[in-house]
Amino acid sequence: MAHSIRFEELPTPLRPSSTAASRYAETARILRDNPQEWARVQERTKRGDAATAAYQIRKGILAAFRPAGAYEAKSRTRDGRYYVYARYVGCVAEPAPQEQRVDGSR
């Protein structure tokens, strides 16, 4: 059975992009414009929600904060409220692997 593949432009999505996605994009841009500076970026109603949001920023799960590792994020409790703090640290390049000899020495 032959495959039927046709290359064509991707159609425009029927639903508009979410306001959350544009809000995250704006937050990420502001952090990039102020590298290495911590900023309070969210207030959450539960401690676990704040921790989850910080994790999603650190790991680049939220597209605006990609690549993973370009942003640091932490959750903090202050006066009984739960906050997410983040900062842009840039892309950390992985060191090039060093050559190893067959005997394991470098």
Protein backbone atom coordinates (compact mmCIF):
# COMPACT_ATOMS: atom_id res chain seq x y z
CA MET A 1 0.00 0.00 0.00
CA ALA A 2 1.48 3.35 -1.03
CA HIS A 3 1.63 6.29 1.35
CA SER A 4 -0.22 9.42 0.40
CA ILE A 5 1.93 12.33 1.50
CA ARG A 6 1.50 15.89 0.29
CA PHE A 7 3.66 18.79 1.43
CA GLU A 8 1.70 21.99 1.95
CA GLU A 9 1.57 25.05 4.18
CA LEU A 10 0.21 24.52 7.66
CA PRO A 11 -3.34 25.95 7.90
CA THR A 12 -4.04 28.84 10.25
CA PRO A 13 -5.37 27.61 13.60
CA LEU A 14 -9.11 27.99 14.12
CA ARG A 15 -8.76 29.14 17.71
CA PRO A 16 -6.77 32.22 18.69
CA SER A 17 -3.67 31.89 20.83
CA SER A 18 -4.42 32.01 24.53
CA THR A 19 -4.01 35.14 26.58
CA ALA A 20 -1.89 33.11 29.00
CA ALA A 21 0.60 32.31 26.22
CA SER A 22 0.95 35.99 25.32
CA ARG A 23 1.22 36.91 29.01
CA TYR A 24 4.02 34.36 29.48
CA ALA A 25 5.77 35.68 26.35
CA GLU A 26 5.66 39.22 27.74
CA THR A 27 6.99 38.06 31.12
CA ALA A 28 9.82 36.13 29.46
CA ARG A 29 10.74 39.17 27.33
CA ILE A 30 10.87 41.45 30.37
CA LEU A 31 13.11 38.97 32.20
CA ARG A 32 15.42 38.71 29.14
CA ASP A 33 15.67 42.51 29.08
CA ASN A 34 16.85 42.41 32.73
CA PRO A 35 19.20 39.43 32.90
CA GLN A 36 20.28 38.04 36.27
CA GLU A 37 17.64 40.10 38.15
CA TRP A 38 15.07 38.23 40.21
CA ALA A 39 11.46 39.30 39.72
CA ARG A 40 8.22 38.19 41.31
CA VAL A 41 6.28 36.92 38.30
CA GLN A 42 3.24 35.19 39.80
CA GLU A 43 1.15 34.85 42.93
CA ARG A 44 -0.59 31.50 43.42
CA THR A 45 -3.28 30.39 45.84
CA LYS A 46 -1.52 27.15 46.83
CA ARG A 47 2.09 26.36 47.68
CA GLY A 48 2.11 23.39 45.29
CA ASP A 49 0.82 25.54 42.42
CA ALA A 50 3.67 27.99 42.93
CA ALA A 51 6.20 25.16 43.00
CA THR A 52 4.71 23.66 39.83
CA ALA A 53 4.81 27.00 38.01
CA ALA A 54 8.47 27.50 38.99
CA TYR A 55 9.28 23.99 37.74
CA GLN A 56 7.52 24.66 34.42
CA ILE A 57 9.57 27.83 33.91
CA ARG A 58 12.90 26.15 34.80
CA LYS A 59 12.30 23.15 32.57
CA GLY A 60 10.98 25.16 29.61
CA ILE A 61 7.63 23.38 29.74
CA LEU A 62 6.03 26.77 29.14
CA ALA A 63 7.13 27.61 25.59
CA ALA A 64 7.94 31.25 26.37
CA PHE A 65 10.67 30.12 28.78
CA ARG A 66 12.60 27.90 26.37
CA PRO A 67 15.23 26.61 26.04
CA ALA A 68 15.14 24.74 29.30
CA GLY A 69 17.67 26.17 31.73
CA ALA A 70 17.64 29.69 30.28
CA TYR A 71 15.51 30.84 33.22
CA GLU A 72 15.84 30.12 36.91
CA ALA A 73 12.67 30.03 38.97
CA LYS A 74 11.85 29.46 42.63
CA SER A 75 8.69 29.43 44.70
CA ARG A 76 8.60 31.29 48.00
CA THR A 77 6.06 31.81 50.79
CA ARG A 78 5.85 35.31 52.18
CA ASP A 79 3.28 36.56 54.67
CA GLY A 80 1.13 33.48 54.02
CA ARG A 81 1.08 34.02 50.25
CA TYR A 82 2.73 31.89 47.57
CA TYR A 83 4.89 33.54 44.94
CA VAL A 84 6.94 32.52 41.93
CA TYR A 85 10.22 34.35 41.34
CA ALA A 86 12.20 34.02 38.13
CA ARG A 87 15.20 35.43 36.34
CA TYR A 88 16.83 35.05 32.93
CA VAL A 89 20.31 33.56 33.08
CA GLY A 90 20.83 32.86 29.39
CA CYS A 91 21.58 29.64 27.63
CA VAL A 92 24.24 27.64 29.38
CA ALA A 93 26.36 25.85 26.80
CA GLU A 94 27.35 22.32 27.64
CA PRO A 95 31.09 21.76 27.67
CA ALA A 96 32.45 19.88 24.69
CA PRO A 97 33.17 16.26 25.47
CA GLN A 98 36.84 15.50 25.95
CA GLU A 99 38.50 12.86 23.88
CA GLN A 100 39.14 9.60 25.64
CA ARG A 101 41.59 6.95 24.64
CA VAL A 102 40.68 3.32 24.46
CA ASP A 103 42.42 2.74 27.78
CA GLY A 104 40.21 5.42 29.39
CA SER A 105 42.89 8.10 29.82
CA ARG A 106 42.51 11.62 28.45
